[in-house]
């Protein structure tokens, strides 16, 4: 996922684009995961905060990247709160960036 821009609120289409998923999947996950509670505008449009996006990032990681079922992801979130899961996810992402950098460096040195 790309970096989150500096904004207070994001629309569902912006959030869906960040995760490269359909907005319908985001709405579905809202019903499935209690931790997702976006605000609604006066027109009824969903407005997501950075915290909502962090929560979605953890859910996305568990379901889409790790292959958990929805029930499995819910149980994992009960075992470890989203904040702890998010710290683990951040560490994994940093390690992946370091790995990519080192592999690129190795390739350049071999040339």
N, C-alpha and C. Protein backbone atom coordinates (compact mmCIF):
# COMPACT_ATOMS: atom_id res chain seq x y z
N UNK A 1 0.83 -1.18 0.00
CA UNK A 1 0.00 0.00 0.00
C UNK A 1 0.87 1.24 0.00
N UNK A 2 0.42 2.26 -0.68
CA UNK A 2 1.17 3.50 -0.75
C UNK A 2 0.99 4.31 0.53
N UNK A 3 1.82 5.32 0.70
CA UNK A 3 1.74 6.19 1.86
C UNK A 3 0.42 6.95 1.86
N UNK A 4 -0.10 7.21 3.05
CA UNK A 4 -1.35 7.93 3.20
C UNK A 4 -1.07 9.43 3.14
N UNK A 5 -1.75 10.16 2.24
CA UNK A 5 -1.55 11.62 2.16
C UNK A 5 -1.99 12.30 3.45
N UNK A 6 -1.52 13.52 3.64
CA UNK A 6 -1.89 14.30 4.83
C UNK A 6 -3.27 14.92 4.65
N UNK A 7 -4.28 14.20 5.09
CA UNK A 7 -5.66 14.68 5.05
C UNK A 7 -6.33 14.20 6.33
N UNK A 8 -7.41 14.85 6.72
CA UNK A 8 -8.16 14.40 7.89
C UNK A 8 -9.09 13.26 7.54
N UNK A 9 -9.75 13.35 6.38
CA UNK A 9 -10.73 12.35 5.99
C UNK A 9 -10.51 11.92 4.55
N UNK A 10 -10.88 10.68 4.27
CA UNK A 10 -10.76 10.10 2.94
C UNK A 10 -12.10 9.49 2.55
N UNK A 11 -12.44 9.59 1.29
CA UNK A 11 -13.68 8.99 0.80
C UNK A 11 -13.46 7.49 0.59
N UNK A 12 -14.53 6.76 0.43
CA UNK A 12 -14.42 5.32 0.23
C UNK A 12 -13.69 5.02 -1.09
N UNK A 13 -13.89 5.85 -2.10
CA UNK A 13 -13.20 5.60 -3.37
C UNK A 13 -11.70 5.83 -3.23
N UNK A 14 -11.29 6.81 -2.44
CA UNK A 14 -9.87 7.03 -2.20
C UNK A 14 -9.26 5.86 -1.43
N UNK A 15 -9.98 5.38 -0.43
CA UNK A 15 -9.49 4.25 0.37
C UNK A 15 -9.40 3.00 -0.49
N UNK A 16 -10.43 2.76 -1.29
CA UNK A 16 -10.43 1.58 -2.17
C UNK A 16 -9.24 1.64 -3.14
N UNK A 17 -8.95 2.83 -3.65
CA UNK A 17 -7.82 2.99 -4.57
C UNK A 17 -6.49 2.73 -3.86
N UNK A 18 -6.38 3.14 -2.60
CA UNK A 18 -5.15 2.90 -1.84
C UNK A 18 -4.85 1.41 -1.73
N UNK A 19 -5.90 0.62 -1.54
CA UNK A 19 -5.74 -0.82 -1.35
C UNK A 19 -5.93 -1.62 -2.64
N UNK A 20 -6.28 -0.90 -3.71
CA UNK A 20 -6.53 -1.52 -5.01
C UNK A 20 -7.60 -2.62 -4.90
N UNK A 21 -8.70 -2.25 -4.25
CA UNK A 21 -9.86 -3.13 -4.11
C UNK A 21 -11.12 -2.34 -4.47
N UNK A 22 -12.22 -3.03 -4.60
CA UNK A 22 -13.50 -2.37 -4.87
C UNK A 22 -14.05 -1.76 -3.59
N UNK A 23 -14.78 -0.67 -3.74
CA UNK A 23 -15.42 -0.02 -2.60
C UNK A 23 -16.39 -0.97 -1.90
N UNK A 24 -16.98 -1.89 -2.67
CA UNK A 24 -17.92 -2.83 -2.08
C UNK A 24 -17.23 -3.74 -1.06
N UNK A 25 -15.96 -4.07 -1.30
CA UNK A 25 -15.22 -4.89 -0.34
C UNK A 25 -14.99 -4.12 0.96
N UNK A 26 -14.70 -2.85 0.86
CA UNK A 26 -14.51 -2.01 2.05
C UNK A 26 -15.82 -1.96 2.85
N UNK A 27 -16.94 -1.75 2.15
CA UNK A 27 -18.25 -1.72 2.83
C UNK A 27 -18.54 -3.06 3.48
N UNK A 28 -18.21 -4.15 2.80
CA UNK A 28 -18.45 -5.49 3.36
C UNK A 28 -17.62 -5.69 4.62
N UNK A 29 -16.35 -5.30 4.58
CA UNK A 29 -15.49 -5.45 5.76
C UNK A 29 -16.00 -4.62 6.93
N UNK A 30 -16.62 -3.47 6.66
CA UNK A 30 -17.21 -2.66 7.73
C UNK A 30 -18.25 -3.46 8.51
N UNK A 31 -19.04 -4.24 7.79
CA UNK A 31 -20.07 -5.04 8.44
C UNK A 31 -19.47 -6.20 9.22
N UNK A 32 -18.34 -6.72 8.76
CA UNK A 32 -17.71 -7.90 9.35
C UNK A 32 -16.80 -7.58 10.53
N UNK A 33 -16.14 -6.43 10.51
CA UNK A 33 -15.15 -6.11 11.53
C UNK A 33 -15.61 -4.89 12.33
N UNK A 34 -15.78 -5.10 13.64
CA UNK A 34 -16.27 -4.05 14.53
C UNK A 34 -15.32 -2.85 14.59
N UNK A 35 -14.04 -3.08 14.34
CA UNK A 35 -13.04 -2.03 14.46
C UNK A 35 -13.19 -0.96 13.36
N UNK A 36 -13.90 -1.28 12.30
CA UNK A 36 -14.11 -0.33 11.20
C UNK A 36 -15.40 0.45 11.42
N UNK A 37 -15.24 1.71 11.73
CA UNK A 37 -16.40 2.57 11.98
C UNK A 37 -16.15 3.95 11.38
N UNK A 38 -16.26 4.07 10.06
CA UNK A 38 -16.03 5.39 9.47
C UNK A 38 -17.17 6.35 9.82
N UNK A 39 -16.83 7.62 9.85
CA UNK A 39 -17.86 8.64 10.07
C UNK A 39 -18.68 8.75 8.80
N UNK A 40 -19.83 9.38 8.94
CA UNK A 40 -20.65 9.64 7.75
C UNK A 40 -20.91 11.13 7.66
N UNK A 41 -20.85 11.64 6.43
CA UNK A 41 -21.13 13.06 6.21
C UNK A 41 -22.64 13.28 6.31
N UNK A 42 -23.03 14.53 6.21
CA UNK A 42 -24.46 14.83 6.27
C UNK A 42 -25.20 14.20 5.09
N UNK A 43 -24.49 13.95 4.00
CA UNK A 43 -25.10 13.29 2.84
C UNK A 43 -25.08 11.77 2.96
N UNK A 44 -24.43 11.26 4.02
CA UNK A 44 -24.36 9.82 4.21
C UNK A 44 -23.13 9.17 3.61
N UNK A 45 -22.20 9.98 3.09
CA UNK A 45 -20.97 9.42 2.53
C UNK A 45 -20.01 9.04 3.65
N UNK A 46 -19.32 7.93 3.46
CA UNK A 46 -18.36 7.47 4.46
C UNK A 46 -17.11 8.35 4.41
N UNK A 47 -16.61 8.68 5.60
CA UNK A 47 -15.39 9.46 5.72
C UNK A 47 -14.43 8.70 6.64
N UNK A 48 -13.31 8.28 6.08
CA UNK A 48 -12.35 7.46 6.81
C UNK A 48 -11.21 8.31 7.35
N UNK A 49 -10.83 8.07 8.60
CA UNK A 49 -9.69 8.74 9.20
C UNK A 49 -8.44 7.90 8.96
N UNK A 50 -7.28 8.44 9.32
CA UNK A 50 -6.04 7.66 9.20
C UNK A 50 -6.10 6.41 10.07
N UNK A 51 -6.75 6.50 11.22
CA UNK A 51 -6.89 5.34 12.10
C UNK A 51 -7.72 4.26 11.41
N UNK A 52 -8.80 4.66 10.74
CA UNK A 52 -9.61 3.69 9.98
C UNK A 52 -8.76 3.01 8.91
N UNK A 53 -7.90 3.79 8.26
CA UNK A 53 -7.06 3.24 7.21
C UNK A 53 -6.03 2.28 7.78
N UNK A 54 -5.49 2.60 8.97
CA UNK A 54 -4.57 1.67 9.64
C UNK A 54 -5.28 0.36 9.95
N UNK A 55 -6.50 0.45 10.45
CA UNK A 55 -7.28 -0.75 10.75
C UNK A 55 -7.53 -1.57 9.48
N UNK A 56 -7.88 -0.88 8.41
CA UNK A 56 -8.09 -1.56 7.12
C UNK A 56 -6.81 -2.22 6.63
N UNK A 57 -5.69 -1.55 6.86
CA UNK A 57 -4.40 -2.08 6.42
C UNK A 57 -4.11 -3.42 7.10
N UNK A 58 -4.41 -3.49 8.40
CA UNK A 58 -4.20 -4.74 9.14
C UNK A 58 -5.14 -5.82 8.63
N UNK A 59 -6.40 -5.48 8.43
CA UNK A 59 -7.38 -6.44 7.92
C UNK A 59 -6.97 -6.91 6.52
N UNK A 60 -6.58 -5.98 5.68
CA UNK A 60 -6.14 -6.32 4.32
C UNK A 60 -4.95 -7.29 4.38
N UNK A 61 -4.00 -6.99 5.25
CA UNK A 61 -2.82 -7.85 5.39
C UNK A 61 -3.22 -9.27 5.81
N UNK A 62 -4.08 -9.36 6.80
CA UNK A 62 -4.48 -10.68 7.30
C UNK A 62 -5.26 -11.47 6.25
N UNK A 63 -6.21 -10.81 5.59
CA UNK A 63 -7.11 -11.51 4.67
C UNK A 63 -6.48 -11.71 3.30
N UNK A 64 -5.94 -10.65 2.73
CA UNK A 64 -5.46 -10.72 1.34
C UNK A 64 -4.02 -11.22 1.22
N UNK A 65 -3.16 -10.83 2.15
CA UNK A 65 -1.75 -11.21 2.03
C UNK A 65 -1.42 -12.49 2.78
N UNK A 66 -2.00 -12.67 3.96
CA UNK A 66 -1.72 -13.87 4.76
C UNK A 66 -2.70 -15.01 4.48
N UNK A 67 -3.81 -14.70 3.82
CA UNK A 67 -4.77 -15.73 3.44
C UNK A 67 -5.72 -16.18 4.55
N UNK A 68 -5.88 -15.37 5.58
CA UNK A 68 -6.82 -15.72 6.65
C UNK A 68 -8.25 -15.67 6.13
N UNK A 69 -9.10 -16.52 6.67
CA UNK A 69 -10.53 -16.39 6.42
C UNK A 69 -11.01 -15.19 7.24
N UNK A 70 -12.22 -14.72 6.97
CA UNK A 70 -12.74 -13.60 7.76
C UNK A 70 -12.82 -13.98 9.23
N UNK A 71 -13.28 -15.19 9.50
CA UNK A 71 -13.38 -15.64 10.89
C UNK A 71 -12.00 -15.73 11.52
N UNK A 72 -11.02 -16.24 10.76
CA UNK A 72 -9.65 -16.33 11.26
C UNK A 72 -9.06 -14.97 11.55
N UNK A 73 -9.33 -14.00 10.68
CA UNK A 73 -8.83 -12.63 10.89
C UNK A 73 -9.48 -12.02 12.13
N UNK A 74 -10.77 -12.27 12.33
CA UNK A 74 -11.46 -11.75 13.52
C UNK A 74 -10.83 -12.33 14.78
N UNK A 75 -10.56 -13.63 14.77
CA UNK A 75 -9.96 -14.27 15.94
C UNK A 75 -8.55 -13.74 16.19
N UNK A 76 -7.80 -13.53 15.12
CA UNK A 76 -6.44 -12.99 15.26
C UNK A 76 -6.49 -11.59 15.88
N UNK A 77 -7.46 -10.78 15.46
CA UNK A 77 -7.60 -9.44 16.01
C UNK A 77 -8.05 -9.47 17.48
N UNK A 78 -8.76 -10.52 17.88
CA UNK A 78 -9.14 -10.66 19.28
C UNK A 78 -7.91 -11.02 20.12
N UNK A 79 -7.02 -11.85 19.54
CA UNK A 79 -5.80 -12.26 20.26
C UNK A 79 -4.84 -11.09 20.41
N UNK A 80 -4.64 -10.37 19.31
CA UNK A 80 -3.74 -9.21 19.31
C UNK A 80 -4.52 -8.03 18.78
N UNK A 81 -4.63 -6.96 19.55
CA UNK A 81 -5.36 -5.78 19.08
C UNK A 81 -4.74 -5.21 17.80
N UNK A 82 -5.52 -4.41 17.10
CA UNK A 82 -5.09 -3.83 15.83
C UNK A 82 -3.78 -3.06 15.99
N UNK A 83 -3.62 -2.34 17.10
CA UNK A 83 -2.40 -1.56 17.29
C UNK A 83 -1.16 -2.45 17.30
N UNK A 84 -1.24 -3.59 17.97
CA UNK A 84 -0.11 -4.53 17.98
C UNK A 84 0.11 -5.12 16.60
N UNK A 85 -0.98 -5.49 15.94
CA UNK A 85 -0.88 -6.04 14.58
C UNK A 85 -0.24 -5.02 13.66
N UNK A 86 -0.60 -3.76 13.83
CA UNK A 86 -0.08 -2.69 12.99
C UNK A 86 1.43 -2.52 13.18
N UNK A 87 1.90 -2.62 14.42
CA UNK A 87 3.34 -2.53 14.68
C UNK A 87 4.08 -3.66 13.97
N UNK A 88 3.53 -4.87 14.06
CA UNK A 88 4.14 -6.01 13.37
C UNK A 88 4.16 -5.78 11.86
N UNK A 89 3.07 -5.28 11.33
CA UNK A 89 2.96 -5.04 9.90
C UNK A 89 3.96 -3.98 9.45
N UNK A 90 4.13 -2.93 10.24
CA UNK A 90 5.11 -1.89 9.90
C UNK A 90 6.52 -2.47 9.87
N UNK A 91 6.83 -3.33 10.83
CA UNK A 91 8.16 -3.96 10.86
C UNK A 91 8.37 -4.83 9.63
N UNK A 92 7.35 -5.58 9.25
CA UNK A 92 7.43 -6.44 8.06
C UNK A 92 7.66 -5.59 6.81
N UNK A 93 6.92 -4.49 6.69
CA UNK A 93 7.07 -3.63 5.52
C UNK A 93 8.46 -3.01 5.45
N UNK A 94 9.01 -2.61 6.60
CA UNK A 94 10.36 -2.04 6.62
C UNK A 94 11.37 -3.09 6.20
N UNK A 95 11.21 -4.30 6.71
CA UNK A 95 12.13 -5.38 6.34
C UNK A 95 12.04 -5.70 4.85
N UNK A 96 10.84 -5.65 4.29
CA UNK A 96 10.69 -5.89 2.85
C UNK A 96 11.38 -4.81 2.04
N UNK A 97 11.30 -3.55 2.49
CA UNK A 97 12.00 -2.46 1.79
C UNK A 97 13.51 -2.64 1.86
N UNK A 98 14.02 -3.06 3.02
CA UNK A 98 15.45 -3.31 3.17
C UNK A 98 15.88 -4.46 2.25
N UNK A 99 15.08 -5.51 2.21
CA UNK A 99 15.39 -6.66 1.35
C UNK A 99 15.44 -6.22 -0.11
N UNK A 100 14.45 -5.45 -0.54
CA UNK A 100 14.42 -4.96 -1.92
C UNK A 100 15.65 -4.11 -2.23
N UNK A 101 16.00 -3.24 -1.29
CA UNK A 101 17.18 -2.40 -1.47
C UNK A 101 18.45 -3.25 -1.59
N UNK A 102 18.59 -4.22 -0.71
CA UNK A 102 19.79 -5.07 -0.74
C UNK A 102 19.87 -5.91 -2.01
N UNK A 103 18.74 -6.43 -2.46
CA UNK A 103 18.74 -7.20 -3.70
C UNK A 103 19.09 -6.32 -4.90
N UNK A 104 18.60 -5.10 -4.89
CA UNK A 104 18.92 -4.16 -5.96
C UNK A 104 20.41 -3.81 -5.92
N UNK A 105 20.94 -3.59 -4.73
CA UNK A 105 22.37 -3.30 -4.57
C UNK A 105 23.22 -4.47 -5.05
N UNK A 106 22.83 -5.67 -4.70
CA UNK A 106 23.54 -6.88 -5.13
C UNK A 106 23.55 -6.97 -6.65
N UNK A 107 22.41 -6.68 -7.26
CA UNK A 107 22.30 -6.75 -8.72
C UNK A 107 23.23 -5.72 -9.36
N UNK A 108 23.26 -4.49 -8.82
CA UNK A 108 24.13 -3.45 -9.38
C UNK A 108 25.60 -3.78 -9.21
N UNK A 109 25.96 -4.39 -8.10
CA UNK A 109 27.36 -4.76 -7.87
C UNK A 109 27.80 -5.89 -8.81
N UNK A 110 26.86 -6.75 -9.19
CA UNK A 110 27.17 -7.86 -10.07
C UNK A 110 27.37 -7.41 -11.50
N UNK A 111 26.84 -6.25 -11.84
CA UNK A 111 26.94 -5.75 -13.23
C UNK A 111 28.30 -5.22 -13.57
